[in-house]
């Protein structure tokens, strides 16, 4: 026998929302998102659209702008790739090993988060300059670290490393050691365990760390300009060229560079997110 439930009773038995005041909190999120992100982006797009398509393309294809974009994005990709390798190794050491000074070393990883970018740039320049502690070791061989694209990569690695370590570290902490022991018991080598079991599980976290490190490096200004050399078409980054255009009161030119950086960054991050989603579907059920 089925008992008919009145509509009002159905309404009373609905599962309450996890977040109290969902309508109010959702409205606050939308307003906050609009004020902080959406409205500035729309303003940037409107300012850039004032040139028209032909004017925008003409300004975007300027040799100096293309050179600055190349320096920023290529070096940011290199720095993020380096951070993926060494950041994952550092996270592994911090999670799997106990050694004297581990807590201090773990705390130092977060130093780029708290250190002012200008201070970081000055410190890196002093170390890697031709007369610096590290730079003087390479100077006799004709290798210059500071005031070259190599210096840009070094600065970007410095500010992006914590993103990879702090993204991979929690996943490693949750990874059961018993799985590795079971793999070894079944006859798998250490490399097979790492490549077929651990890396697939860590892939989403590694890609997230790569995306964060890349995004941070592309927009970095303070720690890069001191060590870069700032030579047009060689070591001039796009954020510096934006500042130069603003100092020249060329607001349209600055807007064009910012718009191009925004479009390229969105495209690259979208591709990375697609790869992350694919890796979760591919390895989530293995």
C-alpha atoms as a PDB file:
ATOM      1  CA  UNK A   1       0.000   0.000   0.000  1.00  0.00           C
ATOM      2  CA  UNK A   2       1.422   3.368  -1.014  1.00  0.00           C
ATOM      3  CA  UNK A   3       0.850   6.477   1.067  1.00  0.00           C
ATOM      4  CA  UNK A   4       0.470   9.712  -0.849  1.00  0.00           C
ATOM      5  CA  UNK A   5       2.571  12.501   0.567  1.00  0.00           C
ATOM      6  CA  UNK A   6       1.102  15.988   0.302  1.00  0.00           C
ATOM      7  CA  UNK A   7       3.219  18.584  -1.522  1.00  0.00           C
ATOM      8  CA  UNK A   8       3.754  20.561   1.678  1.00  0.00           C
ATOM      9  CA  UNK A   9       5.077  17.483   3.480  1.00  0.00           C
ATOM     10  CA  UNK A  10       7.490  16.854   0.633  1.00  0.00           C
ATOM     11  CA  UNK A  11       8.769  20.398   0.990  1.00  0.00           C
ATOM     12  CA  UNK A  12       9.333  19.909   4.712  1.00  0.00           C
ATOM     13  CA  UNK A  13      11.323  16.712   4.187  1.00  0.00           C
ATOM     14  CA  UNK A  14      13.787  18.194   1.727  1.00  0.00           C
ATOM     15  CA  UNK A  15      17.455  17.897   2.656  1.00  0.00           C
ATOM     16  CA  UNK A  16      18.596  21.255   4.066  1.00  0.00           C
ATOM     17  CA  UNK A  17      21.481  23.077   2.394  1.00  0.00           C
ATOM     18  CA  UNK A  18      24.945  22.394   3.791  1.00  0.00           C
ATOM     19  CA  UNK A  19      25.742  26.117   3.735  1.00  0.00           C
ATOM     20  CA  UNK A  20      23.261  28.253   5.673  1.00  0.00           C
ATOM     21  CA  UNK A  21      21.899  31.171   3.710  1.00  0.00           C
ATOM     22  CA  UNK A  22      22.914  29.777   0.324  1.00  0.00           C
ATOM     23  CA  UNK A  23      21.187  32.555  -1.617  1.00  0.00           C
ATOM     24  CA  UNK A  24      22.977  35.268   0.370  1.00  0.00           C
ATOM     25  CA  UNK A  25      26.394  33.621   0.139  1.00  0.00           C
ATOM     26  CA  UNK A  26      25.966  32.959  -3.586  1.00  0.00           C
ATOM     27  CA  UNK A  27      25.044  36.589  -4.162  1.00  0.00           C
ATOM     28  CA  UNK A  28      28.083  37.743  -2.201  1.00  0.00           C
ATOM     29  CA  UNK A  29      30.356  35.440  -4.215  1.00  0.00           C
ATOM     30  CA  UNK A  30      28.977  36.743  -7.523  1.00  0.00           C
ATOM     31  CA  UNK A  31      29.352  40.382  -6.466  1.00  0.00           C
ATOM     32  CA  UNK A  32      32.855  39.820  -5.113  1.00  0.00           C
ATOM     33  CA  UNK A  33      33.909  37.899  -8.225  1.00  0.00           C
ATOM     34  CA  UNK A  34      32.505  40.646 -10.445  1.00  0.00           C
ATOM     35  CA  UNK A  35      34.224  43.489  -8.610  1.00  0.00           C
ATOM     36  CA  UNK A  36      37.619  41.819  -8.262  1.00  0.00           C
ATOM     37  CA  UNK A  37      37.921  39.823 -11.510  1.00  0.00           C
ATOM     38  CA  UNK A  38      35.093  40.184 -14.015  1.00  0.00           C
ATOM     39  CA  UNK A  39      34.734  43.972 -14.185  1.00  0.00           C
ATOM     40  CA  UNK A  40      38.512  44.645 -14.524  1.00  0.00           C
ATOM     41  CA  UNK A  41      38.713  42.054 -17.308  1.00  0.00           C
ATOM     42  CA  UNK A  42      35.770  43.605 -19.120  1.00  0.00           C
ATOM     43  CA  UNK A  43      37.341  47.046 -18.762  1.00  0.00           C
ATOM     44  CA  UNK A  44      40.593  45.713 -20.199  1.00  0.00           C
ATOM     45  CA  UNK A  45      38.773  44.169 -23.155  1.00  0.00           C
ATOM     46  CA  UNK A  46      36.789  47.350 -23.831  1.00  0.00           C
ATOM     47  CA  UNK A  47      39.922  49.488 -23.730  1.00  0.00           C
ATOM     48  CA  UNK A  48      41.690  47.163 -26.154  1.00  0.00           C
ATOM     49  CA  UNK A  49      38.677  47.002 -28.469  1.00  0.00           C
ATOM     50  CA  UNK A  50      38.872  50.760 -28.947  1.00  0.00           C
ATOM     51  CA  UNK A  51      41.703  50.218 -31.409  1.00  0.00           C
ATOM     52  CA  UNK A  52      39.602  48.056 -33.676  1.00  0.00           C
ATOM     53  CA  UNK A  53      40.704  44.709 -35.017  1.00  0.00           C
ATOM     54  CA  UNK A  54      43.213  46.153 -37.474  1.00  0.00           C
ATOM     55  CA  UNK A  55      44.782  48.488 -34.925  1.00  0.00           C
ATOM     56  CA  UNK A  56      44.960  45.737 -32.322  1.00  0.00           C
ATOM     57  CA  UNK A  57      46.698  43.354 -34.740  1.00  0.00           C
ATOM     58  CA  UNK A  58      49.119  46.073 -35.841  1.00  0.00           C
ATOM     59  CA  UNK A  59      50.020  46.878 -32.242  1.00  0.00           C
ATOM     60  CA  UNK A  60      50.219  43.200 -31.243  1.00  0.00           C
ATOM     61  CA  UNK A  61      52.621  42.353 -34.064  1.00  0.00           C
ATOM     62  CA  UNK A  62      55.144  44.991 -33.018  1.00  0.00           C
ATOM     63  CA  UNK A  63      58.595  43.419 -32.900  1.00  0.00           C
ATOM     64  CA  UNK A  64      59.379  44.604 -29.387  1.00  0.00           C
ATOM     65  CA  UNK A  65      56.060  43.349 -28.009  1.00  0.00           C
ATOM     66  CA  UNK A  66      56.490  39.941 -29.619  1.00  0.00           C
ATOM     67  CA  UNK A  67      60.018  39.730 -28.232  1.00  0.00           C
ATOM     68  CA  UNK A  68      58.862  40.600 -24.707  1.00  0.00           C
ATOM     69  CA  UNK A  69      56.052  38.037 -24.877  1.00  0.00           C
ATOM     70  CA  UNK A  70      58.460  35.386 -26.097  1.00  0.00           C
ATOM     71  CA  UNK A  71      60.882  36.105 -23.258  1.00  0.00           C
ATOM     72  CA  UNK A  72      58.123  35.961 -20.635  1.00  0.00           C
ATOM     73  CA  UNK A  73      56.278  32.861 -21.780  1.00  0.00           C
ATOM     74  CA  UNK A  74      59.219  30.742 -22.944  1.00  0.00           C
ATOM     75  CA  UNK A  75      61.215  31.356 -19.776  1.00  0.00           C
ATOM     76  CA  UNK A  76      58.115  30.832 -17.619  1.00  0.00           C
ATOM     77  CA  UNK A  77      57.521  27.448 -19.268  1.00  0.00           C
ATOM     78  CA  UNK A  78      61.163  26.460 -18.730  1.00  0.00           C
ATOM     79  CA  UNK A  79      61.079  27.546 -15.086  1.00  0.00           C
ATOM     80  CA  UNK A  80      57.795  25.714 -14.440  1.00  0.00           C
ATOM     81  CA  UNK A  81      59.176  22.529 -16.033  1.00  0.00           C
ATOM     82  CA  UNK A  82      62.291  22.703 -13.849  1.00  0.00           C
ATOM     83  CA  UNK A  83      60.145  23.303 -10.775  1.00  0.00           C
ATOM     84  CA  UNK A  84      58.029  20.242 -11.572  1.00  0.00           C
ATOM     85  CA  UNK A  85      61.093  17.978 -11.468  1.00  0.00           C
ATOM     86  CA  UNK A  86      62.878  19.421  -8.452  1.00  0.00           C
ATOM     87  CA  UNK A  87      59.717  20.437  -6.601  1.00  0.00           C
ATOM     88  CA  UNK A  88      58.442  16.855  -6.764  1.00  0.00           C
ATOM     89  CA  UNK A  89      61.807  15.553  -5.521  1.00  0.00           C
ATOM     90  CA  UNK A  90      61.822  18.044  -2.642  1.00  0.00           C
ATOM     91  CA  UNK A  91      58.257  17.082  -1.678  1.00  0.00           C
ATOM     92  CA  UNK A  92      59.279  13.407  -1.753  1.00  0.00           C
ATOM     93  CA  UNK A  93      62.241  14.035   0.562  1.00  0.00           C
ATOM     94  CA  UNK A  94      60.170  16.091   3.000  1.00  0.00           C
ATOM     95  CA  UNK A  95      57.435  13.460   3.209  1.00  0.00           C
ATOM     96  CA  UNK A  96      59.404  10.183   3.154  1.00  0.00           C
ATOM     97  CA  UNK A  97      62.562  11.007   5.113  1.00  0.00           C
ATOM     98  CA  UNK A  98      63.337  12.297   8.599  1.00  0.00           C
ATOM     99  CA  UNK A  99      66.606  14.171   9.047  1.00  0.00           C
ATOM    100  CA  UNK A 100      68.007  16.948  11.291  1.00  0.00           C
ATOM    101  CA  UNK A 101      66.737  20.364  10.290  1.00  0.00           C
ATOM    102  CA  UNK A 102      63.818  18.982   8.290  1.00  0.00           C
ATOM    103  CA  UNK A 103      61.295  21.364   9.861  1.00  0.00           C
ATOM    104  CA  UNK A 104      63.529  24.359   9.152  1.00  0.00           C
ATOM    105  CA  UNK A 105      64.042  23.238   5.564  1.00  0.00           C
ATOM    106  CA  UNK A 106      60.291  22.747   5.195  1.00  0.00           C
ATOM    107  CA  UNK A 107      59.652  26.281   6.458  1.00  0.00           C
ATOM    108  CA  UNK A 108      62.250  27.802   4.118  1.00  0.00           C
ATOM    109  CA  UNK A 109      60.277  26.456   1.134  1.00  0.00           C
ATOM    110  CA  UNK A 110      57.598  29.075   1.854  1.00  0.00           C
ATOM    111  CA  UNK A 111      60.114  31.943   1.952  1.00  0.00           C
ATOM    112  CA  UNK A 112      59.322  33.181  -1.604  1.00  0.00           C
ATOM    113  CA  UNK A 113      55.705  33.636  -0.508  1.00  0.00           C
ATOM    114  CA  UNK A 114      56.633  36.071   2.258  1.00  0.00           C
ATOM    115  CA  UNK A 115      59.741  37.704   0.801  1.00  0.00           C
ATOM    116  CA  UNK A 116      59.108  40.973  -1.077  1.00  0.00           C
ATOM    117  CA  UNK A 117      59.820  40.444  -4.752  1.00  0.00           C
ATOM    118  CA  UNK A 118      62.208  43.406  -4.935  1.00  0.00           C
ATOM    119  CA  UNK A 119      64.261  41.991  -2.060  1.00  0.00           C
ATOM    120  CA  UNK A 120      64.346  38.600  -3.787  1.00  0.00           C
ATOM    121  CA  UNK A 121      65.502  40.213  -7.034  1.00  0.00           C
ATOM    122  CA  UNK A 122      68.288  42.164  -5.344  1.00  0.00           C
ATOM    123  CA  UNK A 123      69.460  39.080  -3.440  1.00  0.00           C
ATOM    124  CA  UNK A 124      69.478  36.892  -6.548  1.00  0.00           C
ATOM    125  CA  UNK A 125      71.350  39.553  -8.512  1.00  0.00           C
ATOM    126  CA  UNK A 126      74.002  39.846  -5.804  1.00  0.00           C
ATOM    127  CA  UNK A 127      74.504  36.077  -5.802  1.00  0.00           C
ATOM    128  CA  UNK A 128      74.475  35.408  -9.558  1.00  0.00           C
ATOM    129  CA  UNK A 129      76.214  38.585 -10.785  1.00  0.00           C
ATOM    130  CA  UNK A 130      79.688  38.087 -12.357  1.00  0.00           C
ATOM    131  CA  UNK A 131      81.260  39.116  -9.046  1.00  0.00           C
ATOM    132  CA  UNK A 132      78.718  37.238  -6.892  1.00  0.00           C
ATOM    133  CA  UNK A 133      79.235  34.109  -4.854  1.00  0.00           C
ATOM    134  CA  UNK A 134      77.890  31.807  -7.572  1.00  0.00           C
ATOM    135  CA  UNK A 135      78.302  34.030 -10.612  1.00  0.00           C
ATOM    136  CA  UNK A 136      82.055  34.309 -10.184  1.00  0.00           C
ATOM    137  CA  UNK A 137      82.362  30.529 -10.496  1.00  0.00           C
ATOM    138  CA  UNK A 138      80.967  30.676 -14.044  1.00  0.00           C
ATOM    139  CA  UNK A 139      82.577  33.956 -15.120  1.00  0.00           C
ATOM    140  CA  UNK A 140      85.988  32.395 -16.029  1.00  0.00           C
ATOM    141  CA  UNK A 141      84.181  30.174 -18.553  1.00  0.00           C
ATOM    142  CA  UNK A 142      82.436  33.126 -20.171  1.00  0.00           C
ATOM    143  CA  UNK A 143      79.037  32.158 -18.740  1.00  0.00           C
ATOM    144  CA  UNK A 144      76.933  35.025 -17.438  1.00  0.00           C
ATOM    145  CA  UNK A 145      73.997  34.149 -15.229  1.00  0.00           C
ATOM    146  CA  UNK A 146      72.698  37.560 -14.194  1.00  0.00           C
ATOM    147  CA  UNK A 147      71.554  40.111 -16.776  1.00  0.00           C
ATOM    148  CA  UNK A 148      70.715  37.354 -19.266  1.00  0.00           C
ATOM    149  CA  UNK A 149      67.682  35.114 -19.958  1.00  0.00           C
ATOM    150  CA  UNK A 150      69.323  32.579 -17.639  1.00  0.00           C
ATOM    151  CA  UNK A 151      68.864  35.037 -14.792  1.00  0.00           C
ATOM    152  CA  UNK A 152      65.184  35.379 -15.701  1.00  0.00           C
ATOM    153  CA  UNK A 153      64.725  31.613 -15.461  1.00  0.00           C
ATOM    154  CA  UNK A 154      66.536  31.539 -12.100  1.00  0.00           C
ATOM    155  CA  UNK A 155      64.254  34.218 -10.658  1.00  0.00           C
ATOM    156  CA  UNK A 156      61.145  32.472 -11.989  1.00  0.00           C
ATOM    157  CA  UNK A 157      62.287  29.157 -10.530  1.00  0.00           C
ATOM    158  CA  UNK A 158      62.798  30.841  -7.157  1.00  0.00           C
ATOM    159  CA  UNK A 159      59.303  32.309  -6.962  1.00  0.00           C
ATOM    160  CA  UNK A 160      57.519  29.273  -8.459  1.00  0.00           C
ATOM    161  CA  UNK A 161      59.098  26.380  -6.556  1.00  0.00           C
ATOM    162  CA  UNK A 162      56.818  26.564  -3.478  1.00  0.00           C
ATOM    163  CA  UNK A 163      53.705  26.111  -5.620  1.00  0.00           C
ATOM    164  CA  UNK A 164      54.854  22.705  -6.855  1.00  0.00           C
ATOM    165  CA  UNK A 165      56.129  21.516  -3.470  1.00  0.00           C
ATOM    166  CA  UNK A 166      53.005  22.538  -1.568  1.00  0.00           C
ATOM    167  CA  UNK A 167      50.723  21.020  -4.209  1.00  0.00           C
ATOM    168  CA  UNK A 168      52.456  17.639  -4.437  1.00  0.00           C
ATOM    169  CA  UNK A 169      53.348  17.279  -0.741  1.00  0.00           C
ATOM    170  CA  UNK A 170      49.805  16.659   0.628  1.00  0.00           C
ATOM    171  CA  UNK A 171      49.136  14.012  -2.045  1.00  0.00           C
ATOM    172  CA  UNK A 172      52.354  12.202  -1.154  1.00  0.00           C
ATOM    173  CA  UNK A 173      51.440  12.294   2.535  1.00  0.00           C
ATOM    174  CA  UNK A 174      48.147  10.527   1.769  1.00  0.00           C
ATOM    175  CA  UNK A 175      49.807   7.939  -0.485  1.00  0.00           C
ATOM    176  CA  UNK A 176      49.938   4.660   1.426  1.00  0.00           C
ATOM    177  CA  UNK A 177      53.373   3.107   1.750  1.00  0.00           C
ATOM    178  CA  UNK A 178      51.666  -0.303   1.773  1.00  0.00           C
ATOM    179  CA  UNK A 179      50.898   0.116  -1.937  1.00  0.00           C
ATOM    180  CA  UNK A 180      54.601   0.439  -2.700  1.00  0.00           C
ATOM    181  CA  UNK A 181      55.374  -2.571  -0.509  1.00  0.00           C
ATOM    182  CA  UNK A 182      52.695  -4.615  -2.251  1.00  0.00           C
ATOM    183  CA  UNK A 183      54.126  -3.642  -5.633  1.00  0.00           C
ATOM    184  CA  UNK A 184      57.591  -4.756  -4.548  1.00  0.00           C
ATOM    185  CA  UNK A 185      56.177  -8.009  -3.191  1.00  0.00           C
ATOM    186  CA  UNK A 186      54.621  -8.732  -6.584  1.00  0.00           C
ATOM    187  CA  UNK A 187      58.037  -8.388  -8.217  1.00  0.00           C
ATOM    188  CA  UNK A 188      57.885  -4.847  -9.557  1.00  0.00           C
ATOM    189  CA  UNK A 189      61.124  -2.897  -9.674  1.00  0.00           C
ATOM    190  CA  UNK A 190      61.490   0.482  -8.004  1.00  0.00           C
ATOM    191  CA  UNK A 191      61.213   2.271 -11.339  1.00  0.00           C
ATOM    192  CA  UNK A 192      58.082   0.306 -12.281  1.00  0.00           C
ATOM    193  CA  UNK A 193      56.480   1.210  -8.957  1.00  0.00           C
ATOM    194  CA  UNK A 194      57.253   4.892  -9.427  1.00  0.00           C
ATOM    195  CA  UNK A 195      56.315   5.133 -13.112  1.00  0.00           C
ATOM    196  CA  UNK A 196      53.202   2.917 -13.135  1.00  0.00           C
ATOM    197  CA  UNK A 197      51.717   3.451  -9.684  1.00  0.00           C
ATOM    198  CA  UNK A 198      52.961   6.641  -8.082  1.00  0.00           C
ATOM    199  CA  UNK A 199      53.338   9.044 -10.997  1.00  0.00           C
ATOM    200  CA  UNK A 200      49.813   8.435 -12.365  1.00  0.00           C
ATOM    201  CA  UNK A 201      48.402   9.153  -8.910  1.00  0.00           C
ATOM    202  CA  UNK A 202      50.540  12.272  -8.581  1.00  0.00           C
ATOM    203  CA  UNK A 203      49.899  13.511 -12.140  1.00  0.00           C
ATOM    204  CA  UNK A 204      46.917  15.823 -11.319  1.00  0.00           C
ATOM    205  CA  UNK A 205      48.814  17.429  -8.416  1.00  0.00           C
ATOM    206  CA  UNK A 206      51.970  17.828 -10.511  1.00  0.00           C
ATOM    207  CA  UNK A 207      50.001  19.464 -13.329  1.00  0.00           C
ATOM    208  CA  UNK A 208      48.318  21.784 -10.840  1.00  0.00           C
ATOM    209  CA  UNK A 209      51.692  22.796  -9.423  1.00  0.00           C
ATOM    210  CA  UNK A 210      53.001  23.340 -12.953  1.00  0.00           C
ATOM    211  CA  UNK A 211      50.045  25.580 -13.814  1.00  0.00           C
ATOM    212  CA  UNK A 212      50.427  27.640 -10.630  1.00  0.00           C
ATOM    213  CA  UNK A 213      54.190  28.014 -11.050  1.00  0.00           C
ATOM    214  CA  UNK A 214      53.770  28.984 -14.707  1.00  0.00           C
ATOM    215  CA  UNK A 215      51.051  31.555 -13.974  1.00  0.00           C
ATOM    216  CA  UNK A 216      53.133  33.058 -11.173  1.00  0.00           C
ATOM    217  CA  UNK A 217      56.231  33.266 -13.370  1.00  0.00           C
ATOM    218  CA  UNK A 218      54.469  34.879 -16.347  1.00  0.00           C
ATOM    219  CA  UNK A 219      53.213  37.791 -14.281  1.00  0.00           C
ATOM    220  CA  UNK A 220      56.339  38.209 -12.142  1.00  0.00           C
ATOM    221  CA  UNK A 221      57.925  41.664 -12.198  1.00  0.00           C
ATOM    222  CA  UNK A 222      59.812  42.689  -9.071  1.00  0.00           C
ATOM    223  CA  UNK A 223      62.218  39.794  -8.692  1.00  0.00           C
ATOM    224  CA  UNK A 224      62.945  39.575 -12.441  1.00  0.00           C
ATOM    225  CA  UNK A 225      63.777  43.119 -13.494  1.00  0.00           C
ATOM    226  CA  UNK A 226      66.839  43.315 -11.231  1.00  0.00           C
ATOM    227  CA  UNK A 227      68.472  40.192 -12.640  1.00  0.00           C
ATOM    228  CA  UNK A 228      67.146  40.236 -16.209  1.00  0.00           C
ATOM    229  CA  UNK A 229      69.237  42.973 -17.801  1.00  0.00           C
ATOM    230  CA  UNK A 230      66.086  44.341 -19.499  1.00  0.00           C
ATOM    231  CA  UNK A 231      67.544  44.422 -23.009  1.00  0.00           C
ATOM    232  CA  UNK A 232      64.780  44.697 -25.661  1.00  0.00           C
ATOM    233  CA  UNK A 233      64.293  41.527 -27.708  1.00  0.00           C
ATOM    234  CA  UNK A 234      66.774  39.683 -25.454  1.00  0.00           C
ATOM    235  CA  UNK A 235      65.862  39.897 -21.764  1.00  0.00           C
ATOM    236  CA  UNK A 236      62.949  42.324 -21.574  1.00  0.00           C
ATOM    237  CA  UNK A 237      59.836  40.750 -20.043  1.00  0.00           C
ATOM    238  CA  UNK A 238      56.281  41.703 -20.963  1.00  0.00           C
ATOM    239  CA  UNK A 239      55.306  43.130 -17.526  1.00  0.00           C
ATOM    240  CA  UNK A 240      58.286  45.503 -17.731  1.00  0.00           C
ATOM    241  CA  UNK A 241      57.205  46.641 -21.199  1.00  0.00           C
ATOM    242  CA  UNK A 242      53.725  47.343 -19.812  1.00  0.00           C
ATOM    243  CA  UNK A 243      55.260  49.583 -17.141  1.00  0.00           C
ATOM    244  CA  UNK A 244      57.362  51.333 -19.789  1.00  0.00           C
ATOM    245  CA  UNK A 245      54.272  52.009 -21.907  1.00  0.00           C
ATOM    246  CA  UNK A 246      52.443  53.391 -18.864  1.00  0.00           C
ATOM    247  CA  UNK A 247      55.374  55.694 -18.074  1.00  0.00           C
ATOM    248  CA  UNK A 248      55.157  56.924 -21.667  1.00  0.00           C
ATOM    249  CA  UNK A 249      51.419  57.562 -21.115  1.00  0.00           C
ATOM    250  CA  UNK A 250      50.743  55.055 -23.878  1.00  0.00           C
ATOM    251  CA  UNK A 251      47.824  53.442 -22.101  1.00  0.00           C
ATOM    252  CA  UNK A 252      46.498  51.798 -25.250  1.00  0.00           C
ATOM    253  CA  UNK A 253      49.823  50.102 -25.898  1.00  0.00           C
ATOM    254  CA  UNK A 254      49.961  48.845 -22.312  1.00  0.00           C
ATOM    255  CA  UNK A 255      46.406  47.538 -22.645  1.00  0.00           C
ATOM    256  CA  UNK A 256      47.273  45.669 -25.842  1.00  0.00           C
ATOM    257  CA  UNK A 257      50.205  43.876 -24.175  1.00  0.00           C
ATOM    258  CA  UNK A 258      48.100  43.017 -21.135  1.00  0.00           C
ATOM    259  CA  UNK A 259      45.291  41.692 -23.350  1.00  0.00           C
ATOM    260  CA  UNK A 260      47.655  39.466 -25.321  1.00  0.00           C
ATOM    261  CA  UNK A 261      49.174  38.096 -22.109  1.00  0.00           C
ATOM    262  CA  UNK A 262      45.685  37.439 -20.787  1.00  0.00           C
ATOM    263  CA  UNK A 263      44.596  35.552 -23.921  1.00  0.00           C
ATOM    264  CA  UNK A 264      47.747  33.426 -24.085  1.00  0.00           C
ATOM    265  CA  UNK A 265      47.604  32.640 -20.358  1.00  0.00           C
ATOM    266  CA  UNK A 266      43.934  31.640 -20.579  1.00  0.00           C
ATOM    267  CA  UNK A 267      44.666  29.367 -23.537  1.00  0.00           C
ATOM    268  CA  UNK A 268      47.605  27.652 -21.844  1.00  0.00           C
ATOM    269  CA  UNK A 269      45.786  27.221 -18.534  1.00  0.00           C
ATOM    270  CA  UNK A 270      42.744  25.858 -20.373  1.00  0.00           C
ATOM    271  CA  UNK A 271      44.938  23.255 -22.062  1.00  0.00           C
ATOM    272  CA  UNK A 272      46.521  22.337 -18.723  1.00  0.00           C
ATOM    273  CA  UNK A 273      43.079  21.941 -17.135  1.00  0.00           C
ATOM    274  CA  UNK A 274      42.022  19.648 -19.983  1.00  0.00           C
ATOM    275  CA  UNK A 275      45.108  17.513 -19.390  1.00  0.00           C
ATOM    276  CA  UNK A 276      44.326  17.433 -15.662  1.00  0.00           C
ATOM    277  CA  UNK A 277      40.758  16.276 -16.330  1.00  0.00           C
ATOM    278  CA  UNK A 278      42.021  13.614 -18.727  1.00  0.00           C
ATOM    279  CA  UNK A 279      44.571  12.341 -16.211  1.00  0.00           C
ATOM    280  CA  UNK A 280      41.910  12.078 -13.507  1.00  0.00           C
ATOM    281  CA  UNK A 281      39.616  10.086 -15.795  1.00  0.00           C
ATOM    282  CA  UNK A 282      42.486   7.970 -17.113  1.00  0.00           C
ATOM    283  CA  UNK A 283      44.058   7.027 -13.799  1.00  0.00           C
ATOM    284  CA  UNK A 284      41.254   7.633 -11.331  1.00  0.00           C
ATOM    285  CA  UNK A 285      39.933   4.079 -11.554  1.00  0.00           C
ATOM    286  CA  UNK A 286      43.235   2.183 -11.981  1.00  0.00           C
END
